[in-house]
C-alpha atoms as a PDB file:
ATOM      1  CA  MET A   1      91.660 131.933  78.666  1.00  0.00           C
ATOM      2  CA  ASN A   2      93.722 130.694  81.602  1.00  0.00           C
ATOM      3  CA  VAL A   3      96.599 128.188  81.432  1.00  0.00           C
ATOM      4  CA  PRO A   4      94.642 125.165  82.783  1.00  0.00           C
ATOM      5  CA  ASN A   5      91.974 125.648  80.092  1.00  0.00           C
ATOM      6  CA  GLN A   6      94.695 126.030  77.450  1.00  0.00           C
ATOM      7  CA  ILE A   7      96.159 122.696  78.572  1.00  0.00           C
ATOM      8  CA  THR A   8      92.730 121.085  78.272  1.00  0.00           C
ATOM      9  CA  LEU A   9      92.272 122.517  74.770  1.00  0.00           C
ATOM     10  CA  ALA A  10      95.731 121.204  73.858  1.00  0.00           C
ATOM     11  CA  ARG A  11      94.588 117.761  75.074  1.00  0.00           C
ATOM     12  CA  LEU A  12      91.575 117.996  72.762  1.00  0.00           C
ATOM     13  CA  ILE A  13      93.804 118.897  69.814  1.00  0.00           C
ATOM     14  CA  LEU A  14      96.250 116.082  70.686  1.00  0.00           C
ATOM     15  CA  SER A  15      93.370 113.628  70.802  1.00  0.00           C
ATOM     16  CA  GLY A  16      92.486 114.634  67.230  1.00  0.00           C
ATOM     17  CA  VAL A  17      96.084 114.008  66.163  1.00  0.00           C
ATOM     18  CA  LEU A  18      95.992 110.659  67.990  1.00  0.00           C
ATOM     19  CA  PHE A  19      92.829 109.667  66.126  1.00  0.00           C
ATOM     20  CA  LEU A  20      94.426 110.578  62.800  1.00  0.00           C
ATOM     21  CA  VAL A  21      97.447 108.412  63.642  1.00  0.00           C
ATOM     22  CA  LEU A  22      95.226 105.520  64.733  1.00  0.00           C
ATOM     23  CA  GLU A  23      93.136 105.891  61.591  1.00  0.00           C
ATOM     24  CA  SER A  24      96.256 105.908  59.412  1.00  0.00           C
ATOM     25  CA  ILE A  25      97.541 102.724  61.043  1.00  0.00           C
ATOM     26  CA  GLY A  26      94.504 100.711  60.039  1.00  0.00           C
ATOM     27  CA  ASN A  27      94.733  96.962  59.918  1.00  0.00           C
ATOM     28  CA  GLY A  28      98.248  95.652  59.518  1.00  0.00           C
ATOM     29  CA  GLY A  29      99.901  98.652  61.146  1.00  0.00           C
ATOM     30  CA  TYR A  30     103.572  98.457  61.948  1.00  0.00           C
ATOM     31  CA  GLY A  31     104.941  98.340  65.492  1.00  0.00           C
ATOM     32  CA  SER A  32     106.551 101.776  65.230  1.00  0.00           C
ATOM     33  CA  ALA A  33     103.241 103.370  64.223  1.00  0.00           C
ATOM     34  CA  TRP A  34     101.602 101.843  67.284  1.00  0.00           C
ATOM     35  CA  TYR A  35     104.427 103.274  69.413  1.00  0.00           C
ATOM     36  CA  LEU A  36     103.727 106.739  68.006  1.00  0.00           C
ATOM     37  CA  ALA A  37     100.035 106.280  68.783  1.00  0.00           C
ATOM     38  CA  PHE A  38     100.907 105.152  72.303  1.00  0.00           C
ATOM     39  CA  ALA A  39     103.193 108.163  72.861  1.00  0.00           C
ATOM     40  CA  LEU A  40     100.444 110.547  71.723  1.00  0.00           C
ATOM     41  CA  TYR A  41      97.912 108.732  73.866  1.00  0.00           C
ATOM     42  CA  PHE A  42     100.208 108.789  76.891  1.00  0.00           C
ATOM     43  CA  LEU A  43     100.729 112.532  76.480  1.00  0.00           C
ATOM     44  CA  THR A  44      97.007 113.165  75.973  1.00  0.00           C
ATOM     45  CA  ALA A  45      95.672 110.989  78.791  1.00  0.00           C
ATOM     46  CA  GLY A  46      98.685 111.424  81.041  1.00  0.00           C
ATOM     47  CA  THR A  47      98.305 115.190  81.300  1.00  0.00           C
ATOM     48  CA  ASP A  48      94.684 114.940  82.426  1.00  0.00           C
ATOM     49  CA  TRP A  49      95.667 115.589  86.027  1.00  0.00           C
ATOM     50  CA  LEU A  50      97.788 118.643  85.142  1.00  0.00           C
ATOM     51  CA  ASP A  51      95.015 121.016  84.107  1.00  0.00           C
ATOM     52  CA  GLY A  52      92.901 120.258  87.183  1.00  0.00           C
ATOM     53  CA  PHE A  53      95.885 120.448  89.517  1.00  0.00           C
ATOM     54  CA  LEU A  54      96.942 123.836  88.162  1.00  0.00           C
ATOM     55  CA  ALA A  55      93.388 125.187  88.165  1.00  0.00           C
ATOM     56  CA  ARG A  56      92.958 124.286  91.849  1.00  0.00           C
ATOM     57  CA  ARG A  57      96.458 125.374  92.882  1.00  0.00           C
ATOM     58  CA  TRP A  58      96.256 128.729  91.118  1.00  0.00           C
ATOM     59  CA  GLY A  59      92.586 129.333  92.005  1.00  0.00           C
ATOM     60  CA  GLN A  60      91.613 129.262  88.324  1.00  0.00           C
ATOM     61  CA  VAL A  61      88.739 126.784  88.371  1.00  0.00           C
ATOM     62  CA  THR A  62      86.256 127.982  85.757  1.00  0.00           C
ATOM     63  CA  ALA A  63      82.875 126.897  84.440  1.00  0.00           C
ATOM     64  CA  LEU A  64      84.501 126.334  81.043  1.00  0.00           C
ATOM     65  CA  GLY A  65      87.164 124.112  82.584  1.00  0.00           C
ATOM     66  CA  ARG A  66      84.539 122.086  84.462  1.00  0.00           C
ATOM     67  CA  ILE A  67      82.893 121.375  81.103  1.00  0.00           C
ATOM     68  CA  ILE A  68      85.816 120.838  78.732  1.00  0.00           C
ATOM     69  CA  ASP A  69      88.026 118.776  81.059  1.00  0.00           C
ATOM     70  CA  PRO A  70      85.605 115.845  81.393  1.00  0.00           C
ATOM     71  CA  LEU A  71      84.682 116.305  77.728  1.00  0.00           C
ATOM     72  CA  ALA A  72      88.333 115.847  76.754  1.00  0.00           C
ATOM     73  CA  ASP A  73      88.468 112.679  78.875  1.00  0.00           C
ATOM     74  CA  LYS A  74      85.340 111.283  77.236  1.00  0.00           C
ATOM     75  CA  ILE A  75      86.545 112.109  73.732  1.00  0.00           C
ATOM     76  CA  VAL A  76      89.954 110.456  74.086  1.00  0.00           C
ATOM     77  CA  ILE A  77      88.645 107.279  75.754  1.00  0.00           C
ATOM     78  CA  SER A  78      85.631 106.869  73.458  1.00  0.00           C
ATOM     79  CA  GLY A  79      87.670 107.651  70.353  1.00  0.00           C
ATOM     80  CA  VAL A  80      90.383 105.147  71.204  1.00  0.00           C
ATOM     81  CA  LEU A  81      87.827 102.441  71.977  1.00  0.00           C
ATOM     82  CA  VAL A  82      85.831 103.009  68.789  1.00  0.00           C
ATOM     83  CA  LEU A  83      88.925 103.041  66.573  1.00  0.00           C
ATOM     84  CA  THR A  84      90.677 100.059  68.179  1.00  0.00           C
ATOM     85  CA  LEU A  85      87.471  98.023  68.062  1.00  0.00           C
ATOM     86  CA  THR A  86      87.790  97.872  64.281  1.00  0.00           C
ATOM     87  CA  TYR A  87      91.414  96.721  63.943  1.00  0.00           C
ATOM     88  CA  ASP A  88      92.478  93.096  63.666  1.00  0.00           C
ATOM     89  CA  GLU A  89      95.410  93.721  66.009  1.00  0.00           C
ATOM     90  CA  THR A  90      93.245  95.034  68.844  1.00  0.00           C
ATOM     91  CA  SER A  91      89.648  93.904  68.290  1.00  0.00           C
ATOM     92  CA  ALA A  92      90.005  90.838  70.534  1.00  0.00           C
ATOM     93  CA  LEU A  93      90.903  93.180  73.408  1.00  0.00           C
ATOM     94  CA  VAL A  94      88.007  95.591  72.780  1.00  0.00           C
ATOM     95  CA  PRO A  95      84.576  93.939  72.955  1.00  0.00           C
ATOM     96  CA  SER A  96      81.765  95.963  71.395  1.00  0.00           C
ATOM     97  CA  TRP A  97      79.580  95.601  74.497  1.00  0.00           C
ATOM     98  CA  LEU A  98      82.243  97.397  76.543  1.00  0.00           C
ATOM     99  CA  VAL A  99      82.488 100.248  74.044  1.00  0.00           C
ATOM    100  CA  LEU A 100      78.710 100.688  74.187  1.00  0.00           C
ATOM    101  CA  LEU A 101      78.739 100.507  77.986  1.00  0.00           C
ATOM    102  CA  VAL A 102      81.435 103.181  78.285  1.00  0.00           C
ATOM    103  CA  ILE A 103      79.757 105.529  75.796  1.00  0.00           C
ATOM    104  CA  ALA A 104      76.280 105.041  77.323  1.00  0.00           C
ATOM    105  CA  ARG A 105      77.643 105.842  80.786  1.00  0.00           C
ATOM    106  CA  GLU A 106      79.290 108.998  79.483  1.00  0.00           C
ATOM    107  CA  PHE A 107      76.047 110.186  77.879  1.00  0.00           C
ATOM    108  CA  LEU A 108      74.133 109.435  81.082  1.00  0.00           C
ATOM    109  CA  VAL A 109      76.512 111.265  83.406  1.00  0.00           C
ATOM    110  CA  SER A 110      76.986 114.192  81.004  1.00  0.00           C
ATOM    111  CA  GLY A 111      73.222 114.560  80.725  1.00  0.00           C
ATOM    112  CA  LEU A 112      72.816 114.472  84.490  1.00  0.00           C
ATOM    113  CA  ARG A 113      75.624 117.002  84.927  1.00  0.00           C
ATOM    114  CA  ALA A 114      74.138 119.389  82.355  1.00  0.00           C
ATOM    115  CA  PHE A 115      70.660 119.138  83.864  1.00  0.00           C
ATOM    116  CA  LEU A 116      71.737 119.531  87.480  1.00  0.00           C
ATOM    117  CA  GLU A 117      74.205 122.325  86.872  1.00  0.00           C
ATOM    118  CA  GLY A 118      71.511 124.052  84.818  1.00  0.00           C
ATOM    119  CA  GLN A 119      69.372 123.860  87.958  1.00  0.00           C
ATOM    120  CA  GLY A 120      72.154 125.508  89.975  1.00  0.00           C
ATOM    121  CA  HIS A 121      73.554 122.341  91.590  1.00  0.00           C
ATOM    122  CA  SER A 122      77.254 121.533  91.589  1.00  0.00           C
ATOM    123  CA  PHE A 123      77.800 118.114  90.021  1.00  0.00           C
ATOM    124  CA  ALA A 124      81.573 117.879  89.851  1.00  0.00           C
ATOM    125  CA  ALA A 125      83.462 114.661  89.222  1.00  0.00           C
ATOM    126  CA  GLY A 126      83.796 112.443  92.266  1.00  0.00           C
ATOM    127  CA  TRP A 127      86.261 109.746  93.238  1.00  0.00           C
ATOM    128  CA  SER A 128      84.326 107.069  91.318  1.00  0.00           C
ATOM    129  CA  GLY A 129      84.513 109.036  88.070  1.00  0.00           C
ATOM    130  CA  LYS A 130      88.196 109.774  88.545  1.00  0.00           C
ATOM    131  CA  SER A 131      88.939 106.136  89.372  1.00  0.00           C
ATOM    132  CA  LYS A 132      86.920 105.031  86.358  1.00  0.00           C
ATOM    133  CA  PHE A 133      88.894 107.352  84.092  1.00  0.00           C
ATOM    134  CA  LEU A 134      92.216 106.132  85.488  1.00  0.00           C
ATOM    135  CA  LEU A 135      91.331 102.489  84.854  1.00  0.00           C
ATOM    136  CA  GLN A 136      89.941 103.301  81.397  1.00  0.00           C
ATOM    137  CA  ALA A 137      93.166 105.185  80.627  1.00  0.00           C
ATOM    138  CA  ILE A 138      95.278 102.186  81.650  1.00  0.00           C
ATOM    139  CA  TYR A 139      93.054  99.899  79.578  1.00  0.00           C
ATOM    140  CA  CYS A 140      93.218 102.061  76.441  1.00  0.00           C
ATOM    141  CA  GLY A 141      96.980 102.472  76.841  1.00  0.00           C
ATOM    142  CA  ALA A 142      97.462  98.705  77.037  1.00  0.00           C
ATOM    143  CA  VAL A 143      95.252  98.187  73.977  1.00  0.00           C
ATOM    144  CA  ILE A 144      97.278 100.699  71.941  1.00  0.00           C
ATOM    145  CA  PHE A 145     100.652  99.401  73.166  1.00  0.00           C
ATOM    146  CA  TYR A 146      99.855  95.709  72.598  1.00  0.00           C
ATOM    147  CA  PRO A 147     100.187  95.575  68.769  1.00  0.00           C
ATOM    148  CA  GLY A 148     103.649  97.135  68.962  1.00  0.00           C
ATOM    149  CA  ASP A 149     104.960  94.478  71.337  1.00  0.00           C
ATOM    150  CA  ARG A 150     102.812  91.498  72.112  1.00  0.00           C
ATOM    151  CA  PHE A 151     104.189  90.996  75.604  1.00  0.00           C
ATOM    152  CA  GLY A 152     102.176  88.750  77.859  1.00  0.00           C
ATOM    153  CA  TRP A 153     102.076  91.359  80.622  1.00  0.00           C
ATOM    154  CA  VAL A 154     100.550  93.943  78.258  1.00  0.00           C
ATOM    155  CA  HIS A 155      97.855  91.459  77.232  1.00  0.00           C
ATOM    156  CA  ALA A 156      97.199  90.570  80.881  1.00  0.00           C
ATOM    157  CA  THR A 157      97.014  94.264  81.789  1.00  0.00           C
ATOM    158  CA  ALA A 158      94.547  94.884  78.965  1.00  0.00           C
ATOM    159  CA  ILE A 159      92.308  91.986  80.017  1.00  0.00           C
ATOM    160  CA  ALA A 160      92.378  92.817  83.731  1.00  0.00           C
ATOM    161  CA  SER A 161      91.781  96.528  83.133  1.00  0.00           C
ATOM    162  CA  MET A 162      89.021  95.699  80.629  1.00  0.00           C
ATOM    163  CA  TRP A 163      87.043  93.902  83.346  1.00  0.00           C
ATOM    164  CA  GLY A 164      87.916  96.582  85.878  1.00  0.00           C
ATOM    165  CA  THR A 165      86.719  99.206  83.413  1.00  0.00           C
ATOM    166  CA  ALA A 166      83.421  97.395  82.964  1.00  0.00           C
ATOM    167  CA  ILE A 167      82.860  97.129  86.716  1.00  0.00           C
ATOM    168  CA  LEU A 168      83.890 100.707  87.523  1.00  0.00           C
ATOM    169  CA  THR A 169      81.916 102.103  84.585  1.00  0.00           C
ATOM    170  CA  VAL A 170      78.704 100.556  85.923  1.00  0.00           C
ATOM    171  CA  ALA A 171      79.528 101.328  89.563  1.00  0.00           C
ATOM    172  CA  SER A 172      80.340 104.971  88.885  1.00  0.00           C
ATOM    173  CA  ALA A 173      77.156 105.377  86.826  1.00  0.00           C
ATOM    174  CA  CYS A 174      75.149 104.052  89.784  1.00  0.00           C
ATOM    175  CA  ILE A 175      76.989 106.385  92.178  1.00  0.00           C
ATOM    176  CA  TYR A 176      76.343 109.418  89.958  1.00  0.00           C
ATOM    177  CA  VAL A 177      72.670 108.522  89.539  1.00  0.00           C
ATOM    178  CA  GLY A 178      72.390 108.154  93.331  1.00  0.00           C
ATOM    179  CA  ARG A 179      74.006 111.580  93.804  1.00  0.00           C
ATOM    180  CA  ALA A 180      71.628 113.092  91.274  1.00  0.00           C
ATOM    181  CA  VAL A 181      68.591 111.604  92.987  1.00  0.00           C
ATOM    182  CA  ARG A 182      69.741 112.893  96.388  1.00  0.00           C
ATOM    183  CA  LEU A 183      70.351 116.373  94.990  1.00  0.00           C
ATOM    184  CA  LEU A 184      66.941 116.465  93.357  1.00  0.00           C
ATOM    185  CA  ARG A 185      65.210 115.218  96.508  1.00  0.00           C
ATOM    186  CA  SER A 186      66.999 117.719  98.723  1.00  0.00           C
ATOM    187  CA  SER A 187      65.934 120.577  96.455  1.00  0.00           C
ATOM    188  CA  GLY A 188      62.333 119.362  96.293  1.00  0.00           C
ATOM    189  CA  ALA A 189      62.477 118.766  92.538  1.00  0.00           C
END
């Protein structure tokens, strides 16, 4: 297994540790526990670019990497949203409709990717998916950081990125569906 794929697997393991920390915080968690969760989240989400960068730079792009990298992204974002939805400290920043929207989009795009790549089409992440992930990462980071320090700018960042996440989640789903339709039409399927 090459280094970029090892980094991605490390991100998956770190996301599990992050979820355990978030689960242990529960309602009424202390500020320092939220800081630990934020540090783990920052490391997990913040290294997303590293595995892809190294894979492209070193010519080590693999089929496994093309599957587990977006999977790691989906797991960390979905896990953070589901867990923070249930806590008193963060539930006002994480509406259930947004969690469902994000997860539904991920199922849709993953299903399209699996189907199309099974048909021999390349269906790699595009700019809309990468932009969506970046905004979701900012949003989740603000949600995790907020209970530790209830700064107004963190709250404002969470609210603004929440709406941006909603818009980009829908927009990127539409873009991916459009790409899928064009690929299927061009192949006569």
